[in-house]
Amino acid sequence: MAGVNPVLAGLACRCPKCGKGRLFAGFLKVSPRCDVCGLDLAAADSGDGPAVFIILIVGVIVCFGALITEITISPPVWVHLVIWLPLTAILVLALVRPFKGVMLAMQFHHRASEVRNEDL
């Protein structure tokens, strides 16, 4: 289907071809096939791409937040640990699935060499 936006399909963790089927069989395990259109997703591999973007985004948020907190109220180290470690974990877990979905959808959309799927 030509009308599927790969970014929106990836963010929604949906099939990059039809936009309806599930992209993941588990939290991060890619489904072998789309259950709606039958697209072969077995060859899909996002590699380290999502991790790089997540490290950059979460790193900026947490570093600037910790820096501003330190400059403005100068709390003890344990306060930083209580605030920033859980926030880092929450942000990473919240972003990894949609970012992986976008990377996979962009691979299929641009017919990346690892995918080689002619029926898109």
N, C-alpha and C. Protein backbone atom coordinates (compact mmCIF):
# COMPACT_ATOMS: atom_id res chain seq x y z
N MET A 1 0.85 -1.17 0.00
CA MET A 1 0.00 0.00 0.00
C MET A 1 0.89 1.23 0.00
N ALA A 2 0.77 2.08 -0.98
CA ALA A 2 1.66 3.22 -1.15
C ALA A 2 1.36 4.34 -0.17
N GLY A 3 0.19 4.37 0.44
CA GLY A 3 -0.20 5.48 1.30
C GLY A 3 0.25 5.36 2.75
N VAL A 4 1.00 4.33 3.10
CA VAL A 4 1.41 4.16 4.48
C VAL A 4 2.65 5.00 4.76
N ASN A 5 2.56 5.88 5.74
CA ASN A 5 3.69 6.70 6.15
C ASN A 5 4.60 5.83 7.02
N PRO A 6 5.86 5.63 6.62
CA PRO A 6 6.74 4.74 7.39
C PRO A 6 7.03 5.23 8.80
N VAL A 7 7.09 6.53 8.99
CA VAL A 7 7.37 7.06 10.33
C VAL A 7 6.18 6.80 11.25
N LEU A 8 4.98 7.08 10.77
CA LEU A 8 3.79 6.84 11.59
C LEU A 8 3.56 5.36 11.84
N ALA A 9 3.79 4.54 10.82
CA ALA A 9 3.65 3.09 10.99
C ALA A 9 4.68 2.58 11.99
N GLY A 10 5.90 3.08 11.91
CA GLY A 10 6.94 2.66 12.85
C GLY A 10 6.66 3.10 14.27
N LEU A 11 6.22 4.33 14.45
CA LEU A 11 5.89 4.82 15.79
C LEU A 11 4.74 4.03 16.40
N ALA A 12 3.79 3.62 15.57
CA ALA A 12 2.67 2.82 16.05
C ALA A 12 3.01 1.34 16.14
N CYS A 13 4.23 0.98 15.74
CA CYS A 13 4.69 -0.42 15.74
C CYS A 13 3.78 -1.29 14.88
N ARG A 14 3.48 -0.78 13.70
CA ARG A 14 2.62 -1.48 12.75
C ARG A 14 3.41 -1.86 11.51
N CYS A 15 2.86 -2.73 10.71
CA CYS A 15 3.49 -3.21 9.48
C CYS A 15 3.80 -2.04 8.56
N PRO A 16 5.02 -2.00 8.00
CA PRO A 16 5.37 -0.89 7.11
C PRO A 16 4.68 -0.93 5.75
N LYS A 17 4.08 -2.07 5.40
CA LYS A 17 3.39 -2.18 4.11
C LYS A 17 1.92 -1.79 4.22
N CYS A 18 1.20 -2.41 5.16
CA CYS A 18 -0.25 -2.16 5.26
C CYS A 18 -0.61 -1.18 6.38
N GLY A 19 0.26 -1.03 7.36
CA GLY A 19 -0.01 -0.13 8.47
C GLY A 19 -0.99 -0.67 9.48
N LYS A 20 -1.36 -1.95 9.35
CA LYS A 20 -2.37 -2.53 10.24
C LYS A 20 -1.84 -3.67 11.11
N GLY A 21 -1.04 -4.54 10.53
CA GLY A 21 -0.52 -5.69 11.28
C GLY A 21 0.52 -5.30 12.31
N ARG A 22 0.70 -6.17 13.30
CA ARG A 22 1.68 -5.91 14.35
C ARG A 22 3.10 -6.12 13.82
N LEU A 23 4.00 -5.22 14.17
CA LEU A 23 5.40 -5.31 13.76
C LEU A 23 6.19 -6.21 14.71
N PHE A 24 5.79 -6.23 15.99
CA PHE A 24 6.53 -6.98 16.99
C PHE A 24 5.70 -8.13 17.55
N ALA A 25 6.40 -9.26 17.79
CA ALA A 25 5.75 -10.41 18.42
C ALA A 25 5.92 -10.36 19.93
N GLY A 26 6.91 -9.65 20.40
CA GLY A 26 7.16 -9.46 21.82
C GLY A 26 7.49 -7.99 22.05
N PHE A 27 8.27 -7.72 23.09
CA PHE A 27 8.61 -6.31 23.34
C PHE A 27 9.49 -5.77 22.22
N LEU A 28 10.52 -6.51 21.82
CA LEU A 28 11.40 -6.07 20.73
C LEU A 28 11.60 -7.12 19.64
N LYS A 29 11.03 -8.30 19.81
CA LYS A 29 11.18 -9.36 18.81
C LYS A 29 10.26 -9.08 17.62
N VAL A 30 10.86 -9.01 16.44
CA VAL A 30 10.11 -8.70 15.23
C VAL A 30 9.28 -9.92 14.82
N SER A 31 8.04 -9.69 14.45
CA SER A 31 7.18 -10.77 13.96
C SER A 31 7.77 -11.35 12.67
N PRO A 32 7.65 -12.66 12.47
CA PRO A 32 8.16 -13.23 11.23
C PRO A 32 7.37 -12.78 10.00
N ARG A 33 6.07 -12.54 10.16
CA ARG A 33 5.19 -12.13 9.07
C ARG A 33 4.12 -11.19 9.60
N CYS A 34 3.67 -10.31 8.73
CA CYS A 34 2.53 -9.46 9.09
C CYS A 34 1.29 -10.34 9.09
N ASP A 35 0.50 -10.26 10.15
CA ASP A 35 -0.70 -11.10 10.24
C ASP A 35 -1.85 -10.58 9.38
N VAL A 36 -1.72 -9.38 8.79
CA VAL A 36 -2.77 -8.83 7.94
C VAL A 36 -2.44 -9.01 6.46
N CYS A 37 -1.27 -8.52 6.03
CA CYS A 37 -0.94 -8.56 4.60
C CYS A 37 0.06 -9.66 4.24
N GLY A 38 0.66 -10.31 5.23
CA GLY A 38 1.58 -11.40 4.96
C GLY A 38 2.99 -10.98 4.61
N LEU A 39 3.35 -9.71 4.80
CA LEU A 39 4.69 -9.23 4.48
C LEU A 39 5.73 -9.99 5.30
N ASP A 40 6.78 -10.46 4.65
CA ASP A 40 7.84 -11.18 5.31
C ASP A 40 8.72 -10.20 6.09
N LEU A 41 8.66 -10.27 7.41
CA LEU A 41 9.43 -9.37 8.25
C LEU A 41 10.65 -10.07 8.85
N ALA A 42 10.87 -11.32 8.50
CA ALA A 42 11.94 -12.11 9.10
C ALA A 42 13.33 -11.54 8.83
N ALA A 43 13.53 -10.91 7.69
CA ALA A 43 14.85 -10.38 7.33
C ALA A 43 15.10 -9.00 7.91
N ALA A 44 14.13 -8.44 8.60
CA ALA A 44 14.27 -7.08 9.13
C ALA A 44 15.26 -7.06 10.29
N ASP A 45 16.19 -6.11 10.24
CA ASP A 45 17.17 -5.94 11.29
C ASP A 45 17.53 -4.47 11.40
N SER A 46 17.22 -3.87 12.53
CA SER A 46 17.50 -2.44 12.70
C SER A 46 18.92 -2.19 13.20
N GLY A 47 19.60 -3.23 13.62
CA GLY A 47 20.97 -3.07 14.10
C GLY A 47 21.04 -2.18 15.33
N ASP A 48 22.06 -1.32 15.37
CA ASP A 48 22.25 -0.43 16.51
C ASP A 48 21.67 0.95 16.28
N GLY A 49 20.98 1.15 15.18
CA GLY A 49 20.43 2.47 14.86
C GLY A 49 19.55 3.07 15.94
N PRO A 50 18.55 2.33 16.42
CA PRO A 50 17.69 2.92 17.46
C PRO A 50 18.47 3.25 18.73
N ALA A 51 19.42 2.42 19.10
CA ALA A 51 20.19 2.67 20.33
C ALA A 51 20.98 3.97 20.24
N VAL A 52 21.52 4.26 19.08
CA VAL A 52 22.30 5.49 18.92
C VAL A 52 21.42 6.71 19.13
N PHE A 53 20.26 6.74 18.50
CA PHE A 53 19.36 7.88 18.65
C PHE A 53 18.86 8.00 20.09
N ILE A 54 18.56 6.88 20.71
CA ILE A 54 18.06 6.91 22.09
C ILE A 54 19.15 7.41 23.03
N ILE A 55 20.39 6.96 22.85
CA ILE A 55 21.49 7.43 23.69
C ILE A 55 21.64 8.94 23.57
N LEU A 56 21.58 9.45 22.35
CA LEU A 56 21.73 10.89 22.15
C LEU A 56 20.57 11.68 22.77
N ILE A 57 19.35 11.24 22.55
CA ILE A 57 18.18 11.97 23.05
C ILE A 57 18.09 11.90 24.57
N VAL A 58 18.16 10.69 25.12
CA VAL A 58 18.05 10.53 26.57
C VAL A 58 19.25 11.16 27.26
N GLY A 59 20.43 11.03 26.66
CA GLY A 59 21.62 11.64 27.24
C GLY A 59 21.50 13.14 27.39
N VAL A 60 21.00 13.79 26.36
CA VAL A 60 20.82 15.25 26.42
C VAL A 60 19.81 15.62 27.50
N ILE A 61 18.68 14.93 27.55
CA ILE A 61 17.64 15.24 28.54
C ILE A 61 18.17 15.06 29.95
N VAL A 62 18.79 13.90 30.22
CA VAL A 62 19.25 13.60 31.57
C VAL A 62 20.43 14.48 31.97
N CYS A 63 21.37 14.68 31.07
CA CYS A 63 22.54 15.51 31.41
C CYS A 63 22.15 16.95 31.69
N PHE A 64 21.32 17.53 30.84
CA PHE A 64 20.90 18.91 31.09
C PHE A 64 20.02 19.00 32.34
N GLY A 65 19.17 18.03 32.53
CA GLY A 65 18.34 18.02 33.75
C GLY A 65 19.18 17.92 35.01
N ALA A 66 20.16 17.03 35.01
CA ALA A 66 21.04 16.89 36.17
C ALA A 66 21.88 18.14 36.38
N LEU A 67 22.36 18.73 35.30
CA LEU A 67 23.17 19.94 35.40
C LEU A 67 22.35 21.11 35.95
N ILE A 68 21.17 21.29 35.43
CA ILE A 68 20.32 22.39 35.91
C ILE A 68 19.94 22.16 37.37
N THR A 69 19.63 20.91 37.72
CA THR A 69 19.31 20.59 39.11
C THR A 69 20.50 20.89 40.02
N GLU A 70 21.67 20.50 39.61
CA GLU A 70 22.88 20.73 40.41
C GLU A 70 23.17 22.22 40.57
N ILE A 71 23.01 22.97 39.50
CA ILE A 71 23.31 24.41 39.56
C ILE A 71 22.28 25.15 40.40
N THR A 72 21.01 24.81 40.26
CA THR A 72 19.96 25.58 40.95
C THR A 72 19.79 25.20 42.41
N ILE A 73 19.75 23.91 42.75
CA ILE A 73 19.49 23.54 44.15
C ILE A 73 20.61 22.75 44.81
N SER A 74 21.59 22.31 44.05
CA SER A 74 22.76 21.59 44.56
C SER A 74 22.41 20.51 45.59
N PRO A 75 21.62 19.51 45.17
CA PRO A 75 21.23 18.46 46.12
C PRO A 75 22.37 17.47 46.35
N PRO A 76 22.23 16.60 47.37
CA PRO A 76 23.24 15.55 47.57
C PRO A 76 23.23 14.57 46.39
N VAL A 77 24.29 13.79 46.27
CA VAL A 77 24.42 12.85 45.15
C VAL A 77 23.29 11.83 45.14
N TRP A 78 22.82 11.38 46.30
CA TRP A 78 21.78 10.37 46.32
C TRP A 78 20.49 10.88 45.69
N VAL A 79 20.23 12.18 45.76
CA VAL A 79 19.03 12.74 45.13
C VAL A 79 19.15 12.63 43.61
N HIS A 80 20.34 12.90 43.09
CA HIS A 80 20.55 12.74 41.65
C HIS A 80 20.32 11.29 41.24
N LEU A 81 20.83 10.36 42.03
CA LEU A 81 20.65 8.93 41.71
C LEU A 81 19.18 8.53 41.73
N VAL A 82 18.46 9.02 42.70
CA VAL A 82 17.04 8.68 42.84
C VAL A 82 16.21 9.27 41.70
N ILE A 83 16.60 10.43 41.23
CA ILE A 83 15.84 11.08 40.15
C ILE A 83 16.27 10.59 38.77
N TRP A 84 17.56 10.65 38.48
CA TRP A 84 18.03 10.50 37.11
C TRP A 84 18.20 9.06 36.65
N LEU A 85 18.55 8.14 37.53
CA LEU A 85 18.66 6.73 37.11
C LEU A 85 17.31 6.15 36.70
N PRO A 86 16.27 6.29 37.53
CA PRO A 86 14.96 5.77 37.09
C PRO A 86 14.42 6.49 35.84
N LEU A 87 14.63 7.81 35.77
CA LEU A 87 14.16 8.55 34.59
C LEU A 87 14.86 8.05 33.33
N THR A 88 16.15 7.78 33.44
CA THR A 88 16.89 7.25 32.29
C THR A 88 16.31 5.91 31.85
N ALA A 89 16.09 5.02 32.80
CA ALA A 89 15.53 3.70 32.47
C ALA A 89 14.14 3.82 31.85
N ILE A 90 13.31 4.68 32.42
CA ILE A 90 11.95 4.86 31.90
C ILE A 90 11.97 5.41 30.47
N LEU A 91 12.80 6.42 30.24
CA LEU A 91 12.87 7.01 28.90
C LEU A 91 13.40 6.02 27.87
N VAL A 92 14.42 5.27 28.23
CA VAL A 92 14.98 4.28 27.30
C VAL A 92 13.93 3.23 26.96
N LEU A 93 13.26 2.69 27.97
CA LEU A 93 12.24 1.66 27.71
C LEU A 93 11.05 2.21 26.94
N ALA A 94 10.73 3.47 27.14
CA ALA A 94 9.60 4.08 26.41
C ALA A 94 9.95 4.34 24.95
N LEU A 95 11.22 4.64 24.67
CA LEU A 95 11.60 5.03 23.31
C LEU A 95 12.11 3.88 22.44
N VAL A 96 12.61 2.81 23.03
CA VAL A 96 13.29 1.79 22.22
C VAL A 96 12.35 1.10 21.24
N ARG A 97 11.16 0.78 21.63
CA ARG A 97 10.23 0.08 20.73
C ARG A 97 9.78 0.96 19.55
N PRO A 98 9.30 2.20 19.79
CA PRO A 98 8.92 3.02 18.63
C PRO A 98 10.10 3.38 17.73
N PHE A 99 11.28 3.61 18.31
CA PHE A 99 12.43 3.93 17.48
C PHE A 99 12.84 2.74 16.63
N LYS A 100 12.79 1.55 17.20
CA LYS A 100 13.11 0.35 16.41
C LYS A 100 12.06 0.18 15.32
N GLY A 101 10.80 0.43 15.63
CA GLY A 101 9.74 0.35 14.63
C GLY A 101 9.95 1.32 13.48
N VAL A 102 10.37 2.54 13.78
CA VAL A 102 10.62 3.53 12.73
C VAL A 102 11.81 3.10 11.87
N MET A 103 12.87 2.60 12.50
CA MET A 103 14.04 2.16 11.74
C MET A 103 13.67 1.01 10.80
N LEU A 104 12.89 0.05 11.29
CA LEU A 104 12.48 -1.08 10.44
C LEU A 104 11.56 -0.61 9.31
N ALA A 105 10.63 0.28 9.63
CA ALA A 105 9.71 0.78 8.61
C ALA A 105 10.47 1.58 7.54
N MET A 106 11.47 2.34 7.96
CA MET A 106 12.26 3.10 6.99
C MET A 106 13.10 2.17 6.12
N GLN A 107 13.59 1.07 6.68
CA GLN A 107 14.31 0.08 5.87
C GLN A 107 13.41 -0.47 4.77
N PHE A 108 12.20 -0.85 5.14
CA PHE A 108 11.28 -1.39 4.14
C PHE A 108 10.86 -0.32 3.14
N HIS A 109 10.63 0.87 3.62
CA HIS A 109 10.21 1.96 2.74
C HIS A 109 11.28 2.28 1.69
N HIS A 110 12.52 2.30 2.10
CA HIS A 110 13.62 2.64 1.20
C HIS A 110 14.28 1.41 0.57
N ARG A 111 13.66 0.25 0.81
CA ARG A 111 14.17 -1.02 0.26
C ARG A 111 15.66 -1.19 0.56
N ALA A 112 15.99 -1.09 1.84
CA ALA A 112 17.38 -1.24 2.29
C ALA A 112 17.90 -2.61 1.88
N SER A 113 19.19 -2.70 1.65
CA SER A 113 19.78 -3.94 1.10
C SER A 113 19.61 -5.13 2.02
N GLU A 114 19.54 -4.93 3.33
CA GLU A 114 19.37 -6.05 4.24
C GLU A 114 17.98 -6.67 4.11
N VAL A 115 17.01 -5.89 3.68
CA VAL A 115 15.63 -6.34 3.64
C VAL A 115 15.33 -7.07 2.34
N ARG A 116 15.64 -6.49 1.21
CA ARG A 116 15.41 -7.08 -0.11
C ARG A 116 14.01 -7.66 -0.27
N ASN A 117 13.03 -6.81 -0.13
CA ASN A 117 11.66 -7.26 -0.23
C ASN A 117 11.02 -6.61 -1.45
N GLU A 118 10.77 -7.37 -2.46
CA GLU A 118 10.25 -6.83 -3.73
C GLU A 118 8.74 -6.59 -3.71
N ASP A 119 8.02 -7.17 -2.75
CA ASP A 119 6.56 -7.02 -2.78
C ASP A 119 6.09 -5.78 -2.04
N LEU A 120 6.96 -4.87 -1.70
CA LEU A 120 6.53 -3.62 -1.07
C LEU A 120 6.13 -2.61 -2.11
